[in-house]
């Protein structure tokens, strides 16, 4: 299990990435390992979102820690996406194929990215907070500059156009002015809620809603954006999907700074049979994809514990011995 948190070092706030082992017997986290330590932090703008990739690496977002120029400084880890090796051979180290030699930095020019998701086709999406303008939804690419603080949103200002041309800046898929405060994103690929199937879902804090994004077949063009549950609950911070397709939203108070109540909200389809198990059905089924216990997509014949997701909505956890 991977965790990022802030801590005090003297009078300064720092950020670190830590790995734990989950012990099933004691139901506890053990064997704490600090992987990255001493990242400049602050009381706000420190990210952070983690996502394990299928190549035994992991992406981590860091905010600018209220030091805007640091986002463009390749000697600093703030305002970046970092890529970390989580293989047994180099656990916590710098991947040899990172775009910058001997650096965790994977992309830069970020303000405060709080959403990170990998679609089934491998495209990596991110949601990011702007200042009072230009919240963003981005496609992440390695070794690319996302502009902050010189560019906010699209490259449509005179100085922004010049900076974008000189620095090969990636423009967002969508920008919001005034800001909405985007948070977590997740790809929904389950038949139990057909309105959301094969779309990207994003929780929103300030405007208190869930947003659905529909893409072109290759995932590179945003076709439609639809809002749901506007102001029905508090600030929507996080989203996750259970193996049976139910969606869970975590609220984070009604206003900023965050105060309660905090709730977990379940979204489900009353017309879908969530009780059907694989053993009880005789309907022909095919595996759509398989993941390991870290959520990384794997081959369904790989050794170890894997979770198979089937085209009829069923899910099965199994151990592969060879």
C-alpha atoms as a PDB file:
ATOM      1  CA  UNK A   1       0.000   0.000   0.000  1.00  0.00           C
ATOM      2  CA  UNK A   2       1.307   3.446  -0.946  1.00  0.00           C
ATOM      3  CA  UNK A   3       0.579   6.615   1.001  1.00  0.00           C
ATOM      4  CA  UNK A   4       1.591  10.269   0.658  1.00  0.00           C
ATOM      5  CA  UNK A   5       1.379  12.662   3.588  1.00  0.00           C
ATOM      6  CA  UNK A   6       2.832  15.942   4.832  1.00  0.00           C
ATOM      7  CA  UNK A   7       4.925  16.385   7.967  1.00  0.00           C
ATOM      8  CA  UNK A   8       6.869  19.059   9.791  1.00  0.00           C
ATOM      9  CA  UNK A   9      10.633  19.319   9.460  1.00  0.00           C
ATOM     10  CA  UNK A  10      11.473  22.050  11.926  1.00  0.00           C
ATOM     11  CA  UNK A  11       9.142  24.911  10.983  1.00  0.00           C
ATOM     12  CA  UNK A  12       8.789  23.781   7.363  1.00  0.00           C
ATOM     13  CA  UNK A  13       6.191  21.483   5.836  1.00  0.00           C
ATOM     14  CA  UNK A  14       7.485  18.585   3.776  1.00  0.00           C
ATOM     15  CA  UNK A  15       5.847  15.792   1.789  1.00  0.00           C
ATOM     16  CA  UNK A  16       6.840  12.118   1.547  1.00  0.00           C
ATOM     17  CA  UNK A  17       5.846   8.937  -0.261  1.00  0.00           C
ATOM     18  CA  UNK A  18       5.724   5.829   1.929  1.00  0.00           C
ATOM     19  CA  UNK A  19       5.070   2.136   1.195  1.00  0.00           C
ATOM     20  CA  UNK A  20       3.544  -0.340   3.633  1.00  0.00           C
ATOM     21  CA  UNK A  21       2.854  -4.060   3.621  1.00  0.00           C
ATOM     22  CA  UNK A  22      -0.674  -5.100   4.579  1.00  0.00           C
ATOM     23  CA  UNK A  23      -0.695  -7.938   7.090  1.00  0.00           C
ATOM     24  CA  UNK A  24      -3.961  -9.894   6.777  1.00  0.00           C
ATOM     25  CA  UNK A  25      -3.528 -11.696  10.094  1.00  0.00           C
ATOM     26  CA  UNK A  26      -3.225  -8.574  12.232  1.00  0.00           C
ATOM     27  CA  UNK A  27      -5.242  -6.382   9.837  1.00  0.00           C
ATOM     28  CA  UNK A  28      -2.508  -3.769  10.069  1.00  0.00           C
ATOM     29  CA  UNK A  29       0.010  -1.906   7.918  1.00  0.00           C
ATOM     30  CA  UNK A  30       3.583  -2.994   8.650  1.00  0.00           C
ATOM     31  CA  UNK A  31       7.125  -2.578   7.279  1.00  0.00           C
ATOM     32  CA  UNK A  32       6.987   1.156   6.556  1.00  0.00           C
ATOM     33  CA  UNK A  33       9.432   2.230   3.843  1.00  0.00           C
ATOM     34  CA  UNK A  34      10.072   5.869   2.909  1.00  0.00           C
ATOM     35  CA  UNK A  35      10.464   6.005  -0.873  1.00  0.00           C
ATOM     36  CA  UNK A  36      10.692   9.767  -1.492  1.00  0.00           C
ATOM     37  CA  UNK A  37      11.326  12.183   1.344  1.00  0.00           C
ATOM     38  CA  UNK A  38      11.636  15.923   1.867  1.00  0.00           C
ATOM     39  CA  UNK A  39       9.535  17.250  -1.023  1.00  0.00           C
ATOM     40  CA  UNK A  40       8.716  20.909  -0.378  1.00  0.00           C
ATOM     41  CA  UNK A  41       5.220  21.165   1.045  1.00  0.00           C
ATOM     42  CA  UNK A  42       2.708  23.713   2.250  1.00  0.00           C
ATOM     43  CA  UNK A  43      -0.674  23.820   3.953  1.00  0.00           C
ATOM     44  CA  UNK A  44      -2.270  23.859   0.464  1.00  0.00           C
ATOM     45  CA  UNK A  45      -1.255  22.933  -3.100  1.00  0.00           C
ATOM     46  CA  UNK A  46       0.524  19.676  -2.318  1.00  0.00           C
ATOM     47  CA  UNK A  47      -1.453  17.313  -4.590  1.00  0.00           C
ATOM     48  CA  UNK A  48      -1.485  14.355  -4.336  1.00  0.00           C
ATOM     49  CA  UNK A  49      -2.783  11.472  -6.443  1.00  0.00           C
ATOM     50  CA  UNK A  50      -1.106   8.089  -6.987  1.00  0.00           C
ATOM     51  CA  UNK A  51      -1.683   5.533  -9.737  1.00  0.00           C
ATOM     52  CA  UNK A  52       0.171   2.258 -10.296  1.00  0.00           C
ATOM     53  CA  UNK A  53       0.908   1.490 -13.959  1.00  0.00           C
ATOM     54  CA  UNK A  54       1.137  -1.913 -15.628  1.00  0.00           C
ATOM     55  CA  UNK A  55       4.919  -1.615 -16.145  1.00  0.00           C
ATOM     56  CA  UNK A  56       5.736  -1.822 -12.416  1.00  0.00           C
ATOM     57  CA  UNK A  57       6.006   1.945 -12.075  1.00  0.00           C
ATOM     58  CA  UNK A  58       3.754   4.461 -10.356  1.00  0.00           C
ATOM     59  CA  UNK A  59       2.779   8.056 -11.101  1.00  0.00           C
ATOM     60  CA  UNK A  60       2.485  10.637  -8.338  1.00  0.00           C
ATOM     61  CA  UNK A  61       1.265  14.229  -8.620  1.00  0.00           C
ATOM     62  CA  UNK A  62       2.773  17.038  -6.560  1.00  0.00           C
ATOM     63  CA  UNK A  63       1.371  20.536  -6.204  1.00  0.00           C
ATOM     64  CA  UNK A  64       3.399  23.725  -6.547  1.00  0.00           C
ATOM     65  CA  UNK A  65       3.340  24.185  -2.733  1.00  0.00           C
ATOM     66  CA  UNK A  66       2.531  27.869  -3.339  1.00  0.00           C
ATOM     67  CA  UNK A  67       5.932  28.308  -5.008  1.00  0.00           C
ATOM     68  CA  UNK A  68       4.777  28.922  -8.575  1.00  0.00           C
ATOM     69  CA  UNK A  69       8.177  29.192 -10.335  1.00  0.00           C
ATOM     70  CA  UNK A  70       9.165  25.777  -8.935  1.00  0.00           C
ATOM     71  CA  UNK A  71       6.709  24.121 -11.342  1.00  0.00           C
ATOM     72  CA  UNK A  72       9.057  25.068 -14.211  1.00  0.00           C
ATOM     73  CA  UNK A  73      12.254  24.223 -12.273  1.00  0.00           C
ATOM     74  CA  UNK A  74      13.446  20.734 -13.201  1.00  0.00           C
ATOM     75  CA  UNK A  75      15.623  20.581 -10.095  1.00  0.00           C
ATOM     76  CA  UNK A  76      12.503  20.729  -7.895  1.00  0.00           C
ATOM     77  CA  UNK A  77       9.899  17.975  -7.402  1.00  0.00           C
ATOM     78  CA  UNK A  78       6.972  20.347  -6.763  1.00  0.00           C
ATOM     79  CA  UNK A  79       4.431  21.100  -9.503  1.00  0.00           C
ATOM     80  CA  UNK A  80       5.196  17.839 -11.274  1.00  0.00           C
ATOM     81  CA  UNK A  81       4.110  14.327 -12.068  1.00  0.00           C
ATOM     82  CA  UNK A  82       6.711  11.903 -10.779  1.00  0.00           C
ATOM     83  CA  UNK A  83       7.283   8.347 -11.991  1.00  0.00           C
ATOM     84  CA  UNK A  84       8.617   5.843  -9.464  1.00  0.00           C
ATOM     85  CA  UNK A  85       9.874   2.286  -9.930  1.00  0.00           C
ATOM     86  CA  UNK A  86       7.889  -0.182  -7.789  1.00  0.00           C
ATOM     87  CA  UNK A  87       9.451  -3.380  -9.117  1.00  0.00           C
ATOM     88  CA  UNK A  88      11.112  -5.716  -6.630  1.00  0.00           C
ATOM     89  CA  UNK A  89      14.480  -5.041  -8.235  1.00  0.00           C
ATOM     90  CA  UNK A  90      14.410  -1.235  -7.837  1.00  0.00           C
ATOM     91  CA  UNK A  91      11.609  -0.546  -5.346  1.00  0.00           C
ATOM     92  CA  UNK A  92      11.243   3.193  -4.884  1.00  0.00           C
ATOM     93  CA  UNK A  93      14.035   4.022  -7.303  1.00  0.00           C
ATOM     94  CA  UNK A  94      14.104   6.117 -10.468  1.00  0.00           C
ATOM     95  CA  UNK A  95      13.028   4.148 -13.572  1.00  0.00           C
ATOM     96  CA  UNK A  96      15.840   3.824 -16.089  1.00  0.00           C
ATOM     97  CA  UNK A  97      13.560   4.995 -18.906  1.00  0.00           C
ATOM     98  CA  UNK A  98      12.304   8.164 -17.217  1.00  0.00           C
ATOM     99  CA  UNK A  99      12.474  11.120 -19.641  1.00  0.00           C
ATOM    100  CA  UNK A 100      15.032  13.045 -17.556  1.00  0.00           C
ATOM    101  CA  UNK A 101      18.133  11.114 -16.594  1.00  0.00           C
ATOM    102  CA  UNK A 102      18.408  10.346 -12.871  1.00  0.00           C
ATOM    103  CA  UNK A 103      15.179  12.216 -12.065  1.00  0.00           C
ATOM    104  CA  UNK A 104      11.732  11.171 -10.880  1.00  0.00           C
ATOM    105  CA  UNK A 105      10.181  13.940 -13.012  1.00  0.00           C
ATOM    106  CA  UNK A 106       7.814  12.671 -15.715  1.00  0.00           C
ATOM    107  CA  UNK A 107       6.031  15.933 -16.630  1.00  0.00           C
ATOM    108  CA  UNK A 108       6.097  19.475 -15.264  1.00  0.00           C
ATOM    109  CA  UNK A 109       4.330  22.831 -15.288  1.00  0.00           C
ATOM    110  CA  UNK A 110       1.498  21.656 -13.009  1.00  0.00           C
ATOM    111  CA  UNK A 111      -0.273  23.752 -10.383  1.00  0.00           C
ATOM    112  CA  UNK A 112      -2.206  21.261  -8.247  1.00  0.00           C
ATOM    113  CA  UNK A 113      -3.340  18.066  -9.973  1.00  0.00           C
ATOM    114  CA  UNK A 114      -5.763  16.043  -7.850  1.00  0.00           C
ATOM    115  CA  UNK A 115      -7.170  13.572 -10.379  1.00  0.00           C
ATOM    116  CA  UNK A 116      -5.274  10.795 -12.163  1.00  0.00           C
ATOM    117  CA  UNK A 117      -6.607   7.848 -14.162  1.00  0.00           C
ATOM    118  CA  UNK A 118      -5.458   5.411 -16.843  1.00  0.00           C
ATOM    119  CA  UNK A 119      -8.119   4.440 -19.404  1.00  0.00           C
ATOM    120  CA  UNK A 120      -8.307   0.840 -20.697  1.00  0.00           C
ATOM    121  CA  UNK A 121      -6.514   1.944 -23.886  1.00  0.00           C
ATOM    122  CA  UNK A 122      -3.582   3.314 -21.854  1.00  0.00           C
ATOM    123  CA  UNK A 123      -4.318   7.047 -22.147  1.00  0.00           C
ATOM    124  CA  UNK A 124      -3.555   8.860 -18.896  1.00  0.00           C
ATOM    125  CA  UNK A 125      -5.971  11.628 -17.862  1.00  0.00           C
ATOM    126  CA  UNK A 126      -5.566  14.201 -15.117  1.00  0.00           C
ATOM    127  CA  UNK A 127      -7.713  16.914 -13.517  1.00  0.00           C
ATOM    128  CA  UNK A 128      -6.019  20.027 -12.161  1.00  0.00           C
ATOM    129  CA  UNK A 129      -6.946  23.085 -10.123  1.00  0.00           C
ATOM    130  CA  UNK A 130      -6.433  26.495 -11.663  1.00  0.00           C
ATOM    131  CA  UNK A 131      -6.206  29.749  -9.639  1.00  0.00           C
ATOM    132  CA  UNK A 132      -9.472  31.730 -10.047  1.00  0.00           C
ATOM    133  CA  UNK A 133      -9.656  30.666 -13.694  1.00  0.00           C
ATOM    134  CA  UNK A 134      -8.834  27.721 -15.919  1.00  0.00           C
ATOM    135  CA  UNK A 135      -9.313  24.494 -14.027  1.00  0.00           C
ATOM    136  CA  UNK A 136      -8.143  21.816 -16.455  1.00  0.00           C
ATOM    137  CA  UNK A 137      -8.707  18.293 -17.750  1.00  0.00           C
ATOM    138  CA  UNK A 138      -5.520  17.022 -19.397  1.00  0.00           C
ATOM    139  CA  UNK A 139      -4.042  14.075 -21.229  1.00  0.00           C
ATOM    140  CA  UNK A 140      -0.668  13.390 -19.643  1.00  0.00           C
ATOM    141  CA  UNK A 141       2.405  12.681 -21.735  1.00  0.00           C
ATOM    142  CA  UNK A 142       5.980  12.093 -20.556  1.00  0.00           C
ATOM    143  CA  UNK A 143       8.630  14.779 -20.959  1.00  0.00           C
ATOM    144  CA  UNK A 144       6.045  17.499 -21.585  1.00  0.00           C
ATOM    145  CA  UNK A 145       5.421  20.929 -20.112  1.00  0.00           C
ATOM    146  CA  UNK A 146       1.875  21.838 -18.998  1.00  0.00           C
ATOM    147  CA  UNK A 147       2.589  25.543 -18.730  1.00  0.00           C
ATOM    148  CA  UNK A 148       1.945  26.680 -15.155  1.00  0.00           C
ATOM    149  CA  UNK A 149       2.479  29.431 -14.063  1.00  0.00           C
ATOM    150  CA  UNK A 150       3.286  30.983 -17.461  1.00  0.00           C
ATOM    151  CA  UNK A 151       0.197  29.477 -19.099  1.00  0.00           C
ATOM    152  CA  UNK A 152      -3.238  29.146 -17.553  1.00  0.00           C
ATOM    153  CA  UNK A 153      -5.611  26.930 -19.529  1.00  0.00           C
ATOM    154  CA  UNK A 154      -5.268  27.247 -23.290  1.00  0.00           C
ATOM    155  CA  UNK A 155      -2.452  29.032 -25.116  1.00  0.00           C
ATOM    156  CA  UNK A 156      -4.665  31.988 -26.020  1.00  0.00           C
ATOM    157  CA  UNK A 157      -2.874  34.984 -24.509  1.00  0.00           C
ATOM    158  CA  UNK A 158      -0.097  36.785 -26.383  1.00  0.00           C
ATOM    159  CA  UNK A 159       2.612  35.930 -23.863  1.00  0.00           C
ATOM    160  CA  UNK A 160       1.133  32.439 -23.447  1.00  0.00           C
ATOM    161  CA  UNK A 161       1.363  31.721 -27.174  1.00  0.00           C
ATOM    162  CA  UNK A 162       5.041  32.620 -27.218  1.00  0.00           C
ATOM    163  CA  UNK A 163       5.786  30.475 -24.145  1.00  0.00           C
ATOM    164  CA  UNK A 164       3.781  27.559 -25.559  1.00  0.00           C
ATOM    165  CA  UNK A 165       5.692  27.608 -28.836  1.00  0.00           C
ATOM    166  CA  UNK A 166       9.063  27.795 -27.130  1.00  0.00           C
ATOM    167  CA  UNK A 167       8.327  25.099 -24.561  1.00  0.00           C
ATOM    168  CA  UNK A 168       6.083  22.634 -26.446  1.00  0.00           C
ATOM    169  CA  UNK A 169       3.277  23.141 -23.928  1.00  0.00           C
ATOM    170  CA  UNK A 170       0.376  20.670 -23.836  1.00  0.00           C
ATOM    171  CA  UNK A 171      -3.031  22.379 -23.908  1.00  0.00           C
ATOM    172  CA  UNK A 172      -5.924  20.953 -21.856  1.00  0.00           C
ATOM    173  CA  UNK A 173      -8.858  19.033 -23.280  1.00  0.00           C
ATOM    174  CA  UNK A 174     -11.151  21.387 -21.381  1.00  0.00           C
ATOM    175  CA  UNK A 175     -10.761  24.411 -19.089  1.00  0.00           C
ATOM    176  CA  UNK A 176     -13.302  25.949 -16.707  1.00  0.00           C
ATOM    177  CA  UNK A 177     -13.580  29.673 -15.980  1.00  0.00           C
ATOM    178  CA  UNK A 178     -14.831  30.460 -13.403  1.00  0.00           C
ATOM    179  CA  UNK A 179     -13.292  27.523 -11.628  1.00  0.00           C
ATOM    180  CA  UNK A 180     -15.275  24.505 -10.397  1.00  0.00           C
ATOM    181  CA  UNK A 181     -12.519  22.824  -8.277  1.00  0.00           C
ATOM    182  CA  UNK A 182     -12.126  19.406  -9.965  1.00  0.00           C
ATOM    183  CA  UNK A 183     -10.944  16.541  -7.802  1.00  0.00           C
ATOM    184  CA  UNK A 184     -10.790  12.775  -8.386  1.00  0.00           C
ATOM    185  CA  UNK A 185     -11.344  11.036 -11.749  1.00  0.00           C
ATOM    186  CA  UNK A 186     -12.010   7.402 -12.596  1.00  0.00           C
ATOM    187  CA  UNK A 187     -12.776   5.423 -15.740  1.00  0.00           C
ATOM    188  CA  UNK A 188     -16.082   3.582 -15.454  1.00  0.00           C
ATOM    189  CA  UNK A 189     -16.278   0.418 -17.535  1.00  0.00           C
ATOM    190  CA  UNK A 190     -19.062  -1.699 -16.034  1.00  0.00           C
ATOM    191  CA  UNK A 191     -22.501  -2.554 -17.498  1.00  0.00           C
ATOM    192  CA  UNK A 192     -24.443  -2.098 -14.242  1.00  0.00           C
ATOM    193  CA  UNK A 193     -24.891   1.658 -14.820  1.00  0.00           C
ATOM    194  CA  UNK A 194     -25.101   1.920 -18.629  1.00  0.00           C
ATOM    195  CA  UNK A 195     -25.315   5.746 -18.609  1.00  0.00           C
ATOM    196  CA  UNK A 196     -21.746   5.837 -17.301  1.00  0.00           C
ATOM    197  CA  UNK A 197     -20.242   2.837 -19.077  1.00  0.00           C
ATOM    198  CA  UNK A 198     -16.998   3.531 -20.963  1.00  0.00           C
ATOM    199  CA  UNK A 199     -16.761   7.140 -19.748  1.00  0.00           C
ATOM    200  CA  UNK A 200     -14.529   9.167 -17.456  1.00  0.00           C
ATOM    201  CA  UNK A 201     -16.184  10.425 -14.251  1.00  0.00           C
ATOM    202  CA  UNK A 202     -14.929  13.385 -12.215  1.00  0.00           C
ATOM    203  CA  UNK A 203     -15.901  14.590  -8.747  1.00  0.00           C
ATOM    204  CA  UNK A 204     -16.138  18.353  -8.227  1.00  0.00           C
ATOM    205  CA  UNK A 205     -15.622  20.234  -4.974  1.00  0.00           C
ATOM    206  CA  UNK A 206     -16.773  23.837  -5.323  1.00  0.00           C
ATOM    207  CA  UNK A 207     -19.641  23.187  -7.733  1.00  0.00           C
ATOM    208  CA  UNK A 208     -20.590  19.944  -5.915  1.00  0.00           C
ATOM    209  CA  UNK A 209     -21.347  17.666  -8.840  1.00  0.00           C
ATOM    210  CA  UNK A 210     -20.270  14.586 -10.770  1.00  0.00           C
ATOM    211  CA  UNK A 211     -19.138  15.165 -14.369  1.00  0.00           C
ATOM    212  CA  UNK A 212     -19.217  12.583 -17.159  1.00  0.00           C
ATOM    213  CA  UNK A 213     -16.792  12.875 -20.090  1.00  0.00           C
ATOM    214  CA  UNK A 214     -17.413  11.036 -23.349  1.00  0.00           C
ATOM    215  CA  UNK A 215     -14.507  10.625 -25.765  1.00  0.00           C
ATOM    216  CA  UNK A 216     -13.789   9.704 -29.351  1.00  0.00           C
ATOM    217  CA  UNK A 217     -12.947   6.070 -29.993  1.00  0.00           C
ATOM    218  CA  UNK A 218      -9.218   6.724 -29.662  1.00  0.00           C
ATOM    219  CA  UNK A 219      -9.771   8.662 -26.420  1.00  0.00           C
ATOM    220  CA  UNK A 220      -7.953  11.758 -27.648  1.00  0.00           C
ATOM    221  CA  UNK A 221     -10.924  14.047 -28.326  1.00  0.00           C
ATOM    222  CA  UNK A 222     -13.527  15.131 -25.805  1.00  0.00           C
ATOM    223  CA  UNK A 223     -16.983  14.825 -27.392  1.00  0.00           C
ATOM    224  CA  UNK A 224     -19.477  15.550 -24.597  1.00  0.00           C
ATOM    225  CA  UNK A 225     -19.498  16.789 -21.008  1.00  0.00           C
ATOM    226  CA  UNK A 226     -22.543  16.160 -18.781  1.00  0.00           C
ATOM    227  CA  UNK A 227     -23.155  17.269 -15.194  1.00  0.00           C
ATOM    228  CA  UNK A 228     -24.992  15.129 -12.621  1.00  0.00           C
ATOM    229  CA  UNK A 229     -26.243  15.633  -9.042  1.00  0.00           C
ATOM    230  CA  UNK A 230     -25.556  19.395  -9.022  1.00  0.00           C
ATOM    231  CA  UNK A 231     -25.465  20.617  -5.397  1.00  0.00           C
ATOM    232  CA  UNK A 232     -27.304  17.494  -4.248  1.00  0.00           C
ATOM    233  CA  UNK A 233     -24.608  16.674  -1.687  1.00  0.00           C
ATOM    234  CA  UNK A 234     -21.539  18.364  -0.209  1.00  0.00           C
ATOM    235  CA  UNK A 235     -18.174  18.892  -1.895  1.00  0.00           C
ATOM    236  CA  UNK A 236     -17.362  15.707  -3.822  1.00  0.00           C
ATOM    237  CA  UNK A 237     -13.751  14.756  -3.138  1.00  0.00           C
ATOM    238  CA  UNK A 238     -13.148  11.122  -4.174  1.00  0.00           C
ATOM    239  CA  UNK A 239     -14.716   8.428  -6.323  1.00  0.00           C
ATOM    240  CA  UNK A 240     -14.155   4.678  -6.536  1.00  0.00           C
ATOM    241  CA  UNK A 241     -15.888   1.724  -8.172  1.00  0.00           C
ATOM    242  CA  UNK A 242     -16.438  -1.667  -6.565  1.00  0.00           C
ATOM    243  CA  UNK A 243     -15.850  -4.827  -8.632  1.00  0.00           C
ATOM    244  CA  UNK A 244     -19.622  -5.269  -9.032  1.00  0.00           C
ATOM    245  CA  UNK A 245     -19.983  -1.797 -10.570  1.00  0.00           C
ATOM    246  CA  UNK A 246     -21.361   0.232  -7.683  1.00  0.00           C
ATOM    247  CA  UNK A 247     -19.935   3.756  -7.419  1.00  0.00           C
ATOM    248  CA  UNK A 248     -18.887   5.345  -4.135  1.00  0.00           C
ATOM    249  CA  UNK A 249     -18.461   9.109  -3.661  1.00  0.00           C
ATOM    250  CA  UNK A 250     -16.714  10.695  -0.667  1.00  0.00           C
ATOM    251  CA  UNK A 251     -17.880  14.159   0.368  1.00  0.00           C
ATOM    252  CA  UNK A 252     -15.578  16.704   2.003  1.00  0.00           C
ATOM    253  CA  UNK A 253     -17.818  19.122   3.893  1.00  0.00           C
ATOM    254  CA  UNK A 254     -20.023  21.835   2.449  1.00  0.00           C
ATOM    255  CA  UNK A 255     -17.471  24.640   2.134  1.00  0.00           C
ATOM    256  CA  UNK A 256     -13.746  25.352   2.168  1.00  0.00           C
ATOM    257  CA  UNK A 257     -11.885  25.073   4.527  1.00  0.00           C
ATOM    258  CA  UNK A 258     -13.360  21.616   4.869  1.00  0.00           C
ATOM    259  CA  UNK A 259     -15.754  20.958   7.711  1.00  0.00           C
ATOM    260  CA  UNK A 260     -18.246  18.161   8.214  1.00  0.00           C
ATOM    261  CA  UNK A 261     -20.440  16.439   7.601  1.00  0.00           C
ATOM    262  CA  UNK A 262     -18.398  13.986   5.536  1.00  0.00           C
ATOM    263  CA  UNK A 263     -20.286  11.135   3.918  1.00  0.00           C
ATOM    264  CA  UNK A 264     -19.870   8.107   1.645  1.00  0.00           C
ATOM    265  CA  UNK A 265     -22.562   8.010  -1.040  1.00  0.00           C
ATOM    266  CA  UNK A 266     -23.382   4.835  -2.979  1.00  0.00           C
ATOM    267  CA  UNK A 267     -24.647   4.998  -6.568  1.00  0.00           C
ATOM    268  CA  UNK A 268     -26.215   1.856  -7.991  1.00  0.00           C
ATOM    269  CA  UNK A 269     -28.799   0.690 -10.497  1.00  0.00           C
ATOM    270  CA  UNK A 270     -31.958  -0.725  -8.834  1.00  0.00           C
ATOM    271  CA  UNK A 271     -32.702  -2.728 -11.997  1.00  0.00           C
ATOM    272  CA  UNK A 272     -29.325  -4.500 -12.044  1.00  0.00           C
ATOM    273  CA  UNK A 273     -28.852  -7.821 -10.215  1.00  0.00           C
ATOM    274  CA  UNK A 274     -25.743  -7.293  -8.087  1.00  0.00           C
ATOM    275  CA  UNK A 275     -26.145 -10.670  -6.378  1.00  0.00           C
ATOM    276  CA  UNK A 276     -25.439 -12.817  -9.431  1.00  0.00           C
ATOM    277  CA  UNK A 277     -22.145 -14.657  -9.054  1.00  0.00           C
ATOM    278  CA  UNK A 278     -20.033 -16.292 -11.724  1.00  0.00           C
ATOM    279  CA  UNK A 279     -20.860 -19.771 -10.448  1.00  0.00           C
ATOM    280  CA  UNK A 280     -24.599 -19.118 -10.586  1.00  0.00           C
ATOM    281  CA  UNK A 281     -24.761 -17.998 -14.204  1.00  0.00           C
ATOM    282  CA  UNK A 282     -24.659 -20.171 -17.282  1.00  0.00           C
ATOM    283  CA  UNK A 283     -24.494 -17.245 -19.663  1.00  0.00           C
ATOM    284  CA  UNK A 284     -21.445 -17.208 -21.931  1.00  0.00           C
ATOM    285  CA  UNK A 285     -18.907 -14.713 -20.612  1.00  0.00           C
ATOM    286  CA  UNK A 286     -15.561 -13.381 -21.761  1.00  0.00           C
ATOM    287  CA  UNK A 287     -12.822 -11.646 -19.822  1.00  0.00           C
ATOM    288  CA  UNK A 288     -12.621  -7.920 -20.698  1.00  0.00           C
ATOM    289  CA  UNK A 289      -9.445  -7.313 -18.720  1.00  0.00           C
ATOM    290  CA  UNK A 290      -7.554  -8.477 -15.635  1.00  0.00           C
ATOM    291  CA  UNK A 291      -5.927  -6.508 -12.832  1.00  0.00           C
ATOM    292  CA  UNK A 292      -3.621  -7.346  -9.945  1.00  0.00           C
ATOM    293  CA  UNK A 293      -4.271  -6.365  -6.320  1.00  0.00           C
ATOM    294  CA  UNK A 294      -2.694  -2.947  -6.948  1.00  0.00           C
ATOM    295  CA  UNK A 295      -5.181  -2.226  -9.730  1.00  0.00           C
ATOM    296  CA  UNK A 296      -2.615  -2.604 -12.526  1.00  0.00           C
ATOM    297  CA  UNK A 297      -3.777  -4.250 -15.736  1.00  0.00           C
ATOM    298  CA  UNK A 298      -2.125  -7.652 -16.214  1.00  0.00           C
ATOM    299  CA  UNK A 299      -2.319 -10.713 -18.432  1.00  0.00           C
ATOM    300  CA  UNK A 300      -4.959 -13.143 -17.144  1.00  0.00           C
ATOM    301  CA  UNK A 301      -2.338 -15.906 -17.188  1.00  0.00           C
ATOM    302  CA  UNK A 302       0.213 -14.048 -15.030  1.00  0.00           C
ATOM    303  CA  UNK A 303       1.298 -15.777 -11.835  1.00  0.00           C
ATOM    304  CA  UNK A 304      -0.215 -14.586  -8.536  1.00  0.00           C
ATOM    305  CA  UNK A 305      -3.538 -13.141  -7.412  1.00  0.00           C
ATOM    306  CA  UNK A 306      -5.510 -11.537 -10.234  1.00  0.00           C
ATOM    307  CA  UNK A 307      -9.024 -10.145 -10.602  1.00  0.00           C
ATOM    308  CA  UNK A 308     -10.835 -10.927 -13.864  1.00  0.00           C
ATOM    309  CA  UNK A 309     -13.567  -8.573 -15.076  1.00  0.00           C
ATOM    310  CA  UNK A 310     -16.083 -10.191 -17.469  1.00  0.00           C
ATOM    311  CA  UNK A 311     -18.238  -8.658 -20.192  1.00  0.00           C
ATOM    312  CA  UNK A 312     -21.468  -9.559 -18.335  1.00  0.00           C
ATOM    313  CA  UNK A 313     -20.436  -7.566 -15.270  1.00  0.00           C
ATOM    314  CA  UNK A 314     -19.153 -10.465 -13.195  1.00  0.00           C
ATOM    315  CA  UNK A 315     -15.875 -10.276 -11.295  1.00  0.00           C
ATOM    316  CA  UNK A 316     -13.724 -13.156 -10.059  1.00  0.00           C
ATOM    317  CA  UNK A 317     -10.599 -13.161  -7.909  1.00  0.00           C
ATOM    318  CA  UNK A 318      -8.319 -16.112  -8.537  1.00  0.00           C
ATOM    319  CA  UNK A 319      -4.762 -17.275  -7.886  1.00  0.00           C
ATOM    320  CA  UNK A 320      -2.676 -18.292 -10.908  1.00  0.00           C
ATOM    321  CA  UNK A 321       0.094 -20.718 -10.046  1.00  0.00           C
ATOM    322  CA  UNK A 322       1.765 -20.869 -13.446  1.00  0.00           C
END
